[in-house]
Amino acid sequence: MNRQELGKIGENMAADVLRSKGYQILRRNYRCKSGEIDIIAQKLGEICFVEVKTRQSFNYGRPCEAVTAEKKMHIKKAAGEYLTEMRMKGYVPRFVDFQIIEIIVEHSQRAF
């Protein structure tokens, strides 16, 4: 399995987790000139911008550690563009939240 396939599996799992917690998925893989947002979800008037990080192990640290300050800046700018689009359509969220969902897919061979 290559990185793109693993990432897609992780994003699907993250979307399922969000739905199970009562979130409505508004957009996936939102792209604009400032960057990309993996999932944009909504719950009770709150818009959540979600970065999904999927790894096969902890060999390189926790997945969330891959979300650098530069990546956060791009996500915030992209979120701003999305919110501007939504305001032009008359939608203003009550709250905005930024989230990271970590997915670890670890296969332990010869575990016992």
Protein backbone atom coordinates (compact mmCIF):
# COMPACT_ATOMS: atom_id res chain seq x y z
CA MET A 1 0.00 0.00 0.00
CA ASN A 2 1.44 3.39 -0.94
CA ARG A 3 1.21 6.62 1.08
CA GLN A 4 -1.72 8.01 -0.91
CA GLU A 5 -3.76 4.85 -0.39
CA LEU A 6 -2.95 4.84 3.33
CA GLY A 7 -3.88 8.52 3.57
CA LYS A 8 -7.22 7.92 1.84
CA ILE A 9 -8.00 5.06 4.23
CA GLY A 10 -7.15 7.32 7.17
CA GLU A 11 -9.36 10.13 5.87
CA ASN A 12 -12.26 7.71 5.41
CA MET A 13 -11.80 6.43 8.97
CA ALA A 14 -11.60 9.99 10.31
CA ALA A 15 -14.81 10.95 8.50
CA ASP A 16 -16.53 7.91 10.02
CA VAL A 17 -15.33 8.89 13.50
CA LEU A 18 -16.63 12.42 13.04
CA ARG A 19 -20.01 11.18 11.80
CA SER A 20 -20.28 8.82 14.78
CA LYS A 21 -19.80 11.85 17.04
CA GLY A 22 -22.63 13.75 15.36
CA TYR A 23 -20.64 15.85 12.88
CA GLN A 24 -21.90 16.50 9.37
CA ILE A 25 -19.16 16.33 6.75
CA LEU A 26 -19.40 19.46 4.60
CA ARG A 27 -16.31 19.06 2.39
CA ARG A 28 -13.41 16.72 1.93
CA ASN A 29 -10.08 17.68 0.41
CA TYR A 30 -10.99 21.35 0.10
CA ARG A 31 -8.33 23.02 -2.04
CA CYS A 32 -7.66 26.68 -2.66
CA LYS A 33 -4.67 28.87 -3.43
CA SER A 34 -3.63 28.91 0.25
CA GLY A 35 -3.61 25.18 0.81
CA GLU A 36 -5.76 22.14 1.50
CA ILE A 37 -8.03 21.02 4.30
CA ASP A 38 -8.66 17.30 4.63
CA ILE A 39 -12.13 17.50 6.17
CA ILE A 40 -14.49 20.37 6.93
CA ALA A 41 -17.23 19.30 9.32
CA GLN A 42 -20.04 20.95 11.23
CA LYS A 43 -21.77 20.26 14.52
CA LEU A 44 -24.22 22.54 16.32
CA GLY A 45 -23.19 25.64 14.40
CA GLU A 46 -19.46 25.00 14.86
CA ILE A 47 -17.27 24.59 11.79
CA CYS A 48 -14.29 22.26 12.27
CA PHE A 49 -11.28 22.20 10.02
CA VAL A 50 -9.71 18.77 10.39
CA GLU A 51 -6.22 17.65 9.44
CA VAL A 52 -5.88 13.87 9.23
CA LYS A 53 -2.51 12.21 9.74
CA THR A 54 -2.18 8.49 9.14
CA ARG A 55 0.87 6.40 9.94
CA GLN A 56 1.75 2.71 9.99
CA SER A 57 3.80 3.00 13.18
CA PHE A 58 5.21 5.38 15.75
CA ASN A 59 8.73 5.03 14.25
CA TYR A 60 8.74 8.71 13.30
CA GLY A 61 6.79 9.96 16.30
CA ARG A 62 3.11 10.68 16.70
CA PRO A 63 1.25 11.58 13.51
CA CYS A 64 0.23 14.98 14.90
CA GLU A 65 3.91 15.93 15.16
CA ALA A 66 3.95 16.12 11.35
CA VAL A 67 1.64 19.14 11.50
CA THR A 68 4.27 21.85 11.50
CA ALA A 69 3.82 25.55 12.15
CA GLU A 70 3.99 26.12 8.39
CA LYS A 71 1.28 23.51 7.77
CA LYS A 72 -0.92 25.09 10.45
CA MET A 73 -0.49 28.48 8.77
CA HIS A 74 -1.61 27.04 5.41
CA ILE A 75 -4.63 25.37 7.04
CA LYS A 76 -5.63 28.64 8.75
CA LYS A 77 -5.34 30.58 5.50
CA ALA A 78 -7.35 27.96 3.61
CA ALA A 79 -9.96 28.01 6.40
CA GLY A 80 -10.17 31.79 6.00
CA GLU A 81 -10.84 31.40 2.29
CA TYR A 82 -13.52 28.78 2.96
CA LEU A 83 -15.20 30.99 5.56
CA THR A 84 -15.14 33.94 3.15
CA GLU A 85 -16.91 31.79 0.54
CA MET A 86 -19.50 30.74 3.11
CA ARG A 87 -20.11 34.31 4.33
CA MET A 88 -20.77 35.35 0.74
CA LYS A 89 -23.52 32.69 0.72
CA GLY A 90 -24.96 34.04 3.96
CA TYR A 91 -23.60 31.42 6.36
CA VAL A 92 -21.72 32.53 9.47
CA PRO A 93 -20.68 29.81 11.94
CA ARG A 94 -21.06 30.33 15.69
CA PHE A 95 -17.61 28.90 16.41
CA VAL A 96 -14.56 27.71 14.48
CA ASP A 97 -12.31 24.88 15.62
CA PHE A 98 -9.13 23.32 14.26
CA GLN A 99 -8.65 19.62 14.90
CA ILE A 100 -6.18 16.86 14.16
CA ILE A 101 -7.22 13.24 13.89
CA GLU A 102 -4.42 10.72 14.18
CA ILE A 103 -4.85 7.29 12.62
CA ILE A 104 -2.35 4.52 13.38
CA VAL A 105 -2.60 1.37 11.28
CA GLU A 106 -0.18 -1.01 12.92
CA HIS A 107 0.10 -4.64 11.87
CA SER A 108 1.87 -6.81 14.45
CA GLN A 109 3.13 -10.01 12.91
CA ARG A 110 4.14 -12.92 15.11
CA ALA A 111 2.51 -11.12 18.01
CA PHE A 112 2.25 -14.33 20.08
